[in-house]
Structure formats: C-alpha cells, structure tokens
PDB file of N, CA and C in Angstrom:
ATOM      1  N   MET A   1     -12.999  13.436 -10.238  1.00  0.00           N
ATOM      2  CA  MET A   1     -11.742  13.553  -9.877  1.00  0.00           C
ATOM      3  C   MET A   1     -11.350  12.720 -11.438  1.00  0.00           C
ATOM      4  N   SER A   2     -10.312  13.633 -12.575  1.00  0.00           N
ATOM      5  CA  SER A   2      -9.553  13.592 -13.614  1.00  0.00           C
ATOM      6  C   SER A   2      -8.904  11.604 -14.454  1.00  0.00           C
ATOM      7  N   TYR A   3      -9.128  12.012 -15.539  1.00  0.00           N
ATOM      8  CA  TYR A   3      -8.464  10.686 -15.416  1.00  0.00           C
ATOM      9  C   TYR A   3      -6.960  10.696 -15.377  1.00  0.00           C
ATOM     10  N   ILE A   4      -6.497  11.825 -15.114  1.00  0.00           N
ATOM     11  CA  ILE A   4      -4.853  11.934 -14.930  1.00  0.00           C
ATOM     12  C   ILE A   4      -4.881  11.797 -12.986  1.00  0.00           C
ATOM     13  N   GLY A   5      -6.294  12.479 -13.008  1.00  0.00           N
ATOM     14  CA  GLY A   5      -5.911  12.169 -11.362  1.00  0.00           C
ATOM     15  C   GLY A   5      -5.642  10.630 -10.974  1.00  0.00           C
ATOM     16  N   LEU A   6      -6.784   9.917 -11.305  1.00  0.00           N
ATOM     17  CA  LEU A   6      -6.450   8.976 -11.298  1.00  0.00           C
ATOM     18  C   LEU A   6      -5.928   7.339 -10.978  1.00  0.00           C
ATOM     19  N   LEU A   7      -4.747   8.456 -12.738  1.00  0.00           N
ATOM     20  CA  LEU A   7      -4.156   7.345 -13.490  1.00  0.00           C
ATOM     21  C   LEU A   7      -3.039   7.639 -12.336  1.00  0.00           C
ATOM     22  N   ILE A   8      -2.591   9.113 -12.061  1.00  0.00           N
ATOM     23  CA  ILE A   8      -1.213   8.754 -10.198  1.00  0.00           C
ATOM     24  C   ILE A   8      -1.680   8.387  -9.397  1.00  0.00           C
ATOM     25  N   SER A   9      -3.365   8.387  -9.387  1.00  0.00           N
ATOM     26  CA  SER A   9      -4.045   7.559  -7.701  1.00  0.00           C
ATOM     27  C   SER A   9      -3.196   5.690  -7.692  1.00  0.00           C
ATOM     28  N   ILE A  10      -3.085   5.060  -9.290  1.00  0.00           N
ATOM     29  CA  ILE A  10      -3.524   3.810  -9.157  1.00  0.00           C
ATOM     30  C   ILE A  10      -1.626   3.999  -9.306  1.00  0.00           C
ATOM     31  N   VAL A  11      -1.262   4.553  -9.424  1.00  0.00           N
ATOM     32  CA  VAL A  11       0.437   4.188 -10.352  1.00  0.00           C
ATOM     33  C   VAL A  11       1.340   4.794  -8.778  1.00  0.00           C
ATOM     34  N   MET A  12       0.665   5.771  -7.785  1.00  0.00           N
ATOM     35  CA  MET A  12       0.998   5.562  -6.703  1.00  0.00           C
ATOM     36  C   MET A  12       0.859   4.384  -6.221  1.00  0.00           C
ATOM     37  N   ALA A  13       0.166   4.320  -6.016  1.00  0.00           N
ATOM     38  CA  ALA A  13      -0.598   2.171  -4.896  1.00  0.00           C
ATOM     39  C   ALA A  13      -0.148   1.234  -5.148  1.00  0.00           C
ATOM     40  N   ILE A  14       0.712   1.438  -5.986  1.00  0.00           N
ATOM     41  CA  ILE A  14       1.332   0.518  -6.893  1.00  0.00           C
ATOM     42  C   ILE A  14       3.018  -0.009  -6.218  1.00  0.00           C
ATOM     43  N   ILE A  15       3.254   2.149  -6.466  1.00  0.00           N
ATOM     44  CA  ILE A  15       4.770   1.937  -5.946  1.00  0.00           C
ATOM     45  C   ILE A  15       4.685   2.086  -4.274  1.00  0.00           C
ATOM     46  N   ILE A  16       3.864   1.880  -4.375  1.00  0.00           N
ATOM     47  CA  ILE A  16       3.580   2.253  -2.429  1.00  0.00           C
ATOM     48  C   ILE A  16       3.383   1.038  -1.904  1.00  0.00           C
ATOM     49  N   GLY A  17       2.908  -0.107  -2.670  1.00  0.00           N
ATOM     50  CA  GLY A  17       2.325  -1.883  -2.542  1.00  0.00           C
ATOM     51  C   GLY A  17       4.347  -2.426  -2.644  1.00  0.00           C
ATOM     52  N   PHE A  18       4.628  -1.680  -4.035  1.00  0.00           N
ATOM     53  CA  PHE A  18       5.773  -2.738  -4.059  1.00  0.00           C
ATOM     54  C   PHE A  18       7.015  -1.826  -2.863  1.00  0.00           C
ATOM     55  N   ILE A  19       6.604  -1.119  -2.652  1.00  0.00           N
ATOM     56  CA  ILE A  19       8.108  -0.512  -1.350  1.00  0.00           C
ATOM     57  C   ILE A  19       7.552  -1.129  -0.418  1.00  0.00           C
ATOM     58  N   ALA A  20       6.759  -1.062  -0.005  1.00  0.00           N
ATOM     59  CA  ALA A  20       6.651  -1.927   1.090  1.00  0.00           C
ATOM     60  C   ALA A  20       6.400  -4.025   0.945  1.00  0.00           C
ATOM     61  N   ASP A  21       6.568  -4.455   0.175  1.00  0.00           N
ATOM     62  CA  ASP A  21       6.341  -5.802  -0.308  1.00  0.00           C
ATOM     63  C   ASP A  21       8.451  -5.524  -0.382  1.00  0.00           C
ATOM     64  N   PHE A  22       8.831  -4.609  -0.653  1.00  0.00           N
ATOM     65  CA  PHE A  22       9.933  -4.536  -0.551  1.00  0.00           C
ATOM     66  C   PHE A  22      10.674  -5.001   1.294  1.00  0.00           C
ATOM     67  N   PHE A  23      10.277  -3.718   1.863  1.00  0.00           N
ATOM     68  CA  PHE A  23      10.613  -3.724   3.301  1.00  0.00           C
ATOM     69  C   PHE A  23      10.011  -4.840   4.441  1.00  0.00           C
ATOM     70  N   VAL A  24       9.097  -5.968   3.326  1.00  0.00           N
ATOM     71  CA  VAL A  24       8.874  -6.873   4.415  1.00  0.00           C
ATOM     72  C   VAL A  24       9.161  -7.822   4.355  1.00  0.00           C
ATOM     73  N   ARG A  25       9.720  -7.746   3.015  1.00  0.00           N
ATOM     74  CA  ARG A  25      10.423  -8.790   2.437  1.00  0.00           C
ATOM     75  C   ARG A  25       9.361 -10.437   2.099  1.00  0.00           C
ATOM     76  N   ASN A  26       8.603 -10.801   1.561  1.00  0.00           N
ATOM     77  CA  ASN A  26       6.668 -11.311   1.850  1.00  0.00           C
ATOM     78  C   ASN A  26       6.591 -10.932   0.299  1.00  0.00           C
ATOM     79  N   SER A  27       6.362 -12.002  -0.134  1.00  0.00           N
ATOM     80  CA  SER A  27       5.862 -11.500  -2.027  1.00  0.00           C
ATOM     81  C   SER A  27       4.769 -11.258  -1.958  1.00  0.00           C
ATOM     82  N   MET A  28       4.438 -10.198  -2.299  1.00  0.00           N
ATOM     83  CA  MET A  28       2.591  -9.979  -1.706  1.00  0.00           C
ATOM     84  C   MET A  28       1.471 -10.712  -3.318  1.00  0.00           C
ATOM     85  N   PRO A  29       0.886 -11.831  -3.136  1.00  0.00           N
ATOM     86  CA  PRO A  29       0.432 -12.238  -3.922  1.00  0.00           C
ATOM     87  C   PRO A  29      -0.952 -11.404  -4.943  1.00  0.00           C
ATOM     88  N   GLY A  30      -0.912 -12.139  -6.306  1.00  0.00           N
ATOM     89  CA  GLY A  30      -1.588 -11.288  -7.322  1.00  0.00           C
ATOM     90  C   GLY A  30      -0.578  -9.812  -7.870  1.00  0.00           C
ATOM     91  N   GLY A  31       0.683 -10.182  -8.026  1.00  0.00           N
ATOM     92  CA  GLY A  31       1.899  -9.323  -8.571  1.00  0.00           C
ATOM     93  C   GLY A  31       1.470  -7.368  -8.625  1.00  0.00           C
ATOM     94  N   ILE A  32       1.015  -7.048 -10.153  1.00  0.00           N
ATOM     95  CA  ILE A  32       1.441  -5.970  -9.845  1.00  0.00           C
ATOM     96  C   ILE A  32      -0.443  -5.016  -9.719  1.00  0.00           C
ATOM     97  N   ILE A  33      -1.756  -5.844  -9.494  1.00  0.00           N
ATOM     98  CA  ILE A  33      -2.950  -6.201  -9.365  1.00  0.00           C
ATOM     99  C   ILE A  33      -3.047  -6.207  -7.633  1.00  0.00           C
ATOM    100  N   GLY A  34      -1.330  -7.054  -7.137  1.00  0.00           N
ATOM    101  CA  GLY A  34      -2.147  -7.082  -5.547  1.00  0.00           C
ATOM    102  C   GLY A  34      -1.415  -5.883  -4.585  1.00  0.00           C
ATOM    103  N   SER A  35       0.091  -5.914  -5.896  1.00  0.00           N
ATOM    104  CA  SER A  35       0.154  -4.283  -5.509  1.00  0.00           C
ATOM    105  C   SER A  35      -0.286  -2.890  -4.831  1.00  0.00           C
ATOM    106  N   MET A  36      -0.983  -3.570  -6.104  1.00  0.00           N
ATOM    107  CA  MET A  36      -1.972  -2.061  -5.717  1.00  0.00           C
ATOM    108  C   MET A  36      -2.609  -1.686  -4.791  1.00  0.00           C
ATOM    109  N   ILE A  37      -4.317  -2.654  -4.949  1.00  0.00           N
ATOM    110  CA  ILE A  37      -4.238  -2.679  -3.677  1.00  0.00           C
ATOM    111  C   ILE A  37      -3.081  -3.230  -2.216  1.00  0.00           C
ATOM    112  N   ALA A  38      -2.526  -3.235  -1.559  1.00  0.00           N
ATOM    113  CA  ALA A  38      -1.703  -3.142  -0.778  1.00  0.00           C
ATOM    114  C   ALA A  38      -1.265  -1.637  -0.472  1.00  0.00           C
ATOM    115  N   GLY A  39      -1.078  -1.757  -2.122  1.00  0.00           N
ATOM    116  CA  GLY A  39      -1.175   0.372  -1.473  1.00  0.00           C
ATOM    117  C   GLY A  39      -2.479   0.832  -1.035  1.00  0.00           C
ATOM    118  N   PHE A  40      -3.578   0.797  -2.099  1.00  0.00           N
ATOM    119  CA  PHE A  40      -4.971   1.869  -1.689  1.00  0.00           C
ATOM    120  C   PHE A  40      -5.431   1.184   0.039  1.00  0.00           C
ATOM    121  N   VAL A  41      -4.933  -0.302   0.429  1.00  0.00           N
ATOM    122  CA  VAL A  41      -5.281  -0.601   1.360  1.00  0.00           C
ATOM    123  C   VAL A  41      -4.426  -0.353   2.405  1.00  0.00           C
ATOM    124  N   GLY A  42      -3.417  -0.007   2.658  1.00  0.00           N
ATOM    125  CA  GLY A  42      -2.410   0.937   2.919  1.00  0.00           C
ATOM    126  C   GLY A  42      -2.014   2.014   3.446  1.00  0.00           C
ATOM    127  N   ALA A  43      -2.934   3.040   2.440  1.00  0.00           N
ATOM    128  CA  ALA A  43      -2.953   4.087   2.817  1.00  0.00           C
ATOM    129  C   ALA A  43      -4.739   4.160   3.712  1.00  0.00           C
ATOM    130  N   TRP A  44      -4.958   3.979   3.683  1.00  0.00           N
ATOM    131  CA  TRP A  44      -6.300   3.152   4.500  1.00  0.00           C
ATOM    132  C   TRP A  44      -5.734   3.275   5.988  1.00  0.00           C
ATOM    133  N   ILE A  45      -5.527   2.074   6.190  1.00  0.00           N
ATOM    134  CA  ILE A  45      -4.738   2.132   7.365  1.00  0.00           C
ATOM    135  C   ILE A  45      -4.007   2.654   7.866  1.00  0.00           C
ATOM    136  N   GLY A  46      -2.483   3.491   6.968  1.00  0.00           N
ATOM    137  CA  GLY A  46      -2.393   4.778   7.133  1.00  0.00           C
ATOM    138  C   GLY A  46      -2.345   5.383   7.806  1.00  0.00           C
ATOM    139  N   ASN A  47      -4.036   5.803   7.341  1.00  0.00           N
ATOM    140  CA  ASN A  47      -4.990   6.923   6.952  1.00  0.00           C
ATOM    141  C   ASN A  47      -4.851   7.065   8.465  1.00  0.00           C
ATOM    142  N   LEU A  48      -5.472   5.919   8.603  1.00  0.00           N
ATOM    143  CA  LEU A  48      -6.746   5.518  10.211  1.00  0.00           C
ATOM    144  C   LEU A  48      -6.249   6.043  11.276  1.00  0.00           C
ATOM    145  N   LEU A  49      -4.385   4.645  11.056  1.00  0.00           N
ATOM    146  CA  LEU A  49      -3.335   4.931  12.660  1.00  0.00           C
ATOM    147  C   LEU A  49      -2.856   6.303  13.121  1.00  0.00           C
ATOM    148  N   LEU A  50      -2.442   6.742  12.381  1.00  0.00           N
ATOM    149  CA  LEU A  50      -1.325   7.575  11.375  1.00  0.00           C
ATOM    150  C   LEU A  50      -1.691   9.512  11.821  1.00  0.00           C
ATOM    151  N   GLY A  51      -2.846   9.342  10.822  1.00  0.00           N
ATOM    152  CA  GLY A  51      -3.440  10.247  10.412  1.00  0.00           C
ATOM    153  C   GLY A  51      -2.678  11.128   8.676  1.00  0.00           C
ATOM    154  N   SER A  52      -2.439  11.583   8.312  1.00  0.00           N
ATOM    155  CA  SER A  52      -1.923  12.986   7.007  1.00  0.00           C
ATOM    156  C   SER A  52      -0.856  13.414   7.759  1.00  0.00           C
ATOM    157  N   PHE A  53       0.564  13.034   7.720  1.00  0.00           N
ATOM    158  CA  PHE A  53       1.235  13.862   7.439  1.00  0.00           C
ATOM    159  C   PHE A  53       2.741  13.368   6.655  1.00  0.00           C
ATOM    160  N   GLY A  54       3.713  14.515   6.329  1.00  0.00           N
ATOM    161  CA  GLY A  54       4.591  13.600   5.419  1.00  0.00           C
ATOM    162  C   GLY A  54       4.304  14.791   3.520  1.00  0.00           C
ATOM    163  N   PRO A  55       4.764  14.174   2.908  1.00  0.00           N
ATOM    164  CA  PRO A  55       4.354  14.615   1.611  1.00  0.00           C
ATOM    165  C   PRO A  55       3.850  13.607   1.081  1.00  0.00           C
ATOM    166  N   ILE A  56       2.482  14.526   0.252  1.00  0.00           N
ATOM    167  CA  ILE A  56       0.935  14.196  -0.195  1.00  0.00           C
ATOM    168  C   ILE A  56       1.245  14.079  -2.102  1.00  0.00           C
ATOM    169  N   ILE A  57       1.161  12.442  -2.468  1.00  0.00           N
ATOM    170  CA  ILE A  57       1.628  12.288  -3.957  1.00  0.00           C
ATOM    171  C   ILE A  57       0.646  11.325  -4.093  1.00  0.00           C
ATOM    172  N   GLY A  58      -0.393  12.248  -4.998  1.00  0.00           N
ATOM    173  CA  GLY A  58      -2.021  11.623  -5.410  1.00  0.00           C
ATOM    174  C   GLY A  58      -2.982  11.573  -4.793  1.00  0.00           C
ATOM    175  N   GLY A  59      -3.016  12.069  -4.061  1.00  0.00           N
ATOM    176  CA  GLY A  59      -4.046  11.790  -2.980  1.00  0.00           C
ATOM    177  C   GLY A  59      -3.696  10.777  -1.522  1.00  0.00           C
ATOM    178  N   PHE A  60      -2.607  10.316  -2.313  1.00  0.00           N
ATOM    179  CA  PHE A  60      -1.859   9.635  -0.798  1.00  0.00           C
ATOM    180  C   PHE A  60      -0.723  10.368   0.465  1.00  0.00           C
ATOM    181  N   ALA A  61      -0.932  10.107   1.286  1.00  0.00           N
ATOM    182  CA  ALA A  61      -0.012  11.093   2.835  1.00  0.00           C
ATOM    183  C   ALA A  61       1.414   9.838   2.267  1.00  0.00           C
ATOM    184  N   VAL A  62       2.469   9.988   1.525  1.00  0.00           N
ATOM    185  CA  VAL A  62       3.209   8.327   1.665  1.00  0.00           C
ATOM    186  C   VAL A  62       3.709   7.755   2.403  1.00  0.00           C
ATOM    187  N   VAL A  63       4.208   8.674   3.759  1.00  0.00           N
ATOM    188  CA  VAL A  63       4.591   8.645   4.540  1.00  0.00           C
ATOM    189  C   VAL A  63       3.522   6.982   5.410  1.00  0.00           C
ATOM    190  N   PRO A  64       2.683   7.724   6.160  1.00  0.00           N
ATOM    191  CA  PRO A  64       1.871   6.701   6.650  1.00  0.00           C
ATOM    192  C   PRO A  64       1.054   5.719   5.240  1.00  0.00           C
ATOM    193  N   ALA A  65       1.160   5.958   4.169  1.00  0.00           N
ATOM    194  CA  ALA A  65       0.164   4.900   3.189  1.00  0.00           C
ATOM    195  C   ALA A  65       1.657   4.135   3.090  1.00  0.00           C
ATOM    196  N   ILE A  66       2.948   3.915   3.092  1.00  0.00           N
ATOM    197  CA  ILE A  66       4.119   3.005   3.155  1.00  0.00           C
ATOM    198  C   ILE A  66       3.942   2.346   4.100  1.00  0.00           C
ATOM    199  N   ILE A  67       3.788   2.834   5.409  1.00  0.00           N
ATOM    200  CA  ILE A  67       3.697   2.058   6.928  1.00  0.00           C
ATOM    201  C   ILE A  67       2.722   1.108   6.941  1.00  0.00           C
ATOM    202  N   GLY A  68       1.523   1.573   6.635  1.00  0.00           N
ATOM    203  CA  GLY A  68       0.624   0.821   6.564  1.00  0.00           C
ATOM    204  C   GLY A  68       0.495  -0.587   6.015  1.00  0.00           C
ATOM    205  N   ALA A  69       0.696   0.481   4.337  1.00  0.00           N
ATOM    206  CA  ALA A  69       1.053  -0.924   3.345  1.00  0.00           C
ATOM    207  C   ALA A  69       1.686  -2.512   4.046  1.00  0.00           C
ATOM    208  N   ILE A  70       2.575  -1.573   5.247  1.00  0.00           N
ATOM    209  CA  ILE A  70       3.818  -2.481   5.351  1.00  0.00           C
ATOM    210  C   ILE A  70       3.347  -3.523   6.578  1.00  0.00           C
ATOM    211  N   LEU A  71       1.594  -3.138   7.450  1.00  0.00           N
ATOM    212  CA  LEU A  71       1.698  -4.142   8.448  1.00  0.00           C
ATOM    213  C   LEU A  71       0.723  -4.686   7.369  1.00  0.00           C
ATOM    214  N   PHE A  72      -0.217  -3.669   6.456  1.00  0.00           N
ATOM    215  CA  PHE A  72      -1.755  -5.263   5.600  1.00  0.00           C
ATOM    216  C   PHE A  72      -0.730  -6.026   4.830  1.00  0.00           C
ATOM    217  N   ILE A  73       0.582  -6.155   4.149  1.00  0.00           N
ATOM    218  CA  ILE A  73       1.095  -7.218   3.616  1.00  0.00           C
ATOM    219  C   ILE A  73       2.450  -8.167   4.419  1.00  0.00           C
ATOM    220  N   PHE A  74       2.939  -7.971   6.135  1.00  0.00           N
ATOM    221  CA  PHE A  74       2.331  -8.276   7.234  1.00  0.00           C
ATOM    222  C   PHE A  74       1.878  -9.706   7.565  1.00  0.00           C
ATOM    223  N   VAL A  75       0.327  -9.063   7.547  1.00  0.00           N
ATOM    224  CA  VAL A  75      -1.152  -9.509   7.978  1.00  0.00           C
ATOM    225  C   VAL A  75      -1.417 -10.899   6.865  1.00  0.00           C
ATOM    226  N   ILE A  76      -1.008 -10.125   5.660  1.00  0.00           N
ATOM    227  CA  ILE A  76      -1.845 -11.307   5.154  1.00  0.00           C
ATOM    228  C   ILE A  76      -0.647 -12.227   4.809  1.00  0.00           C
ATOM    229  N   GLY A  77       0.729 -12.054   4.770  1.00  0.00           N
ATOM    230  CA  GLY A  77       1.719 -12.903   5.050  1.00  0.00           C
ATOM    231  C   GLY A  77       1.510 -14.560   6.206  1.00  0.00           C
ATOM    232  N   LEU A  78       0.970 -13.644   6.917  1.00  0.00           N
ATOM    233  CA  LEU A  78       0.756 -14.262   8.386  1.00  0.00           C
ATOM    234  C   LEU A  78      -0.010 -15.438   8.428  1.00  0.00           C
ATOM    235  N   ILE A  79      -2.133 -14.884   7.479  1.00  0.00           N
ATOM    236  CA  ILE A  79      -1.716 -15.863   7.025  1.00  0.00           C
ATOM    237  C   ILE A  79      -2.158 -16.272   6.283  1.00  0.00           C
ATOM    238  N   THR A  80      -1.507 -16.634   5.099  1.00  0.00           N
ATOM    239  CA  THR A  80      -0.475 -17.683   4.087  1.00  0.00           C
ATOM    240  C   THR A  80      -0.369 -18.289   4.311  1.00  0.00           C
ATOM    241  N   ARG A  81       0.945 -18.183   5.307  1.00  0.00           N
ATOM    242  CA  ARG A  81       2.040 -18.412   5.737  1.00  0.00           C
ATOM    243  C   ARG A  81       1.106 -20.073   6.686  1.00  0.00           C
ATOM    244  N   GLY A  82      -0.024 -19.502   7.222  1.00  0.00           N
ATOM    245  CA  GLY A  82      -0.746 -19.830   8.450  1.00  0.00           C
ATOM    246  C   GLY A  82      -1.824 -20.601   7.976  1.00  0.00           C
ATOM    247  N   ARG A  83      -1.703 -21.491   6.767  1.00  0.00           N
ATOM    248  CA  ARG A  83      -2.191 -21.555   5.507  1.00  0.00           C
ATOM    249  C   ARG A  83      -2.260 -22.604   5.084  1.00  0.00           C
ATOM    250  N   ARG A  84      -1.216 -23.135   5.039  1.00  0.00           N
ATOM    251  CA  ARG A  84       0.165 -23.600   4.795  1.00  0.00           C
ATOM    252  C   ARG A  84       0.145 -24.826   5.291  1.00  0.00           C
TER     253      ARG A  84
END
C-alpha cells in the first residue's frame, strides 16, 4: 500500500468515525484518534455483518462501515455508561 493510499484510508476512517458519532450522539472517547479507531473497527464490523456494498473509498465500503461504526460507538457508550 502506498503512502497516499494509507493516508486516504486514515482520513476515511476518521470521517466515518465522525459520521457515526454524529448519528449516535454519544461522545466517542479519544477525540480524533477515537474516531479513527471507530472508523476502522466499524468498517471491519460492517463488512462482517453486511458484506461489501455501496461506494468504496479508500478501501472502505462506506455504507457498511458507517453502520458498523454506529454499532461500535453505541456499544462503547453502553459500556462507559455502565461503568459510571
């Protein structure tokens, strides 16, 4: 993978994490790094549950990645609320 491809993947993960955080309305801990992690994990979860469909940008199937990131942030929110 080239450096440009890696950079595009990181930017897409951050954007996907921010979009998912907006929908869940739950503050993802970790700021921009947390959003990036949510984007990567969400893409993985979304691909496992829904497969790969819709537009693919930077190696991410955008729709399943956003849905997976929403699920991930929702579960993280439940866990952090339960610990308080």
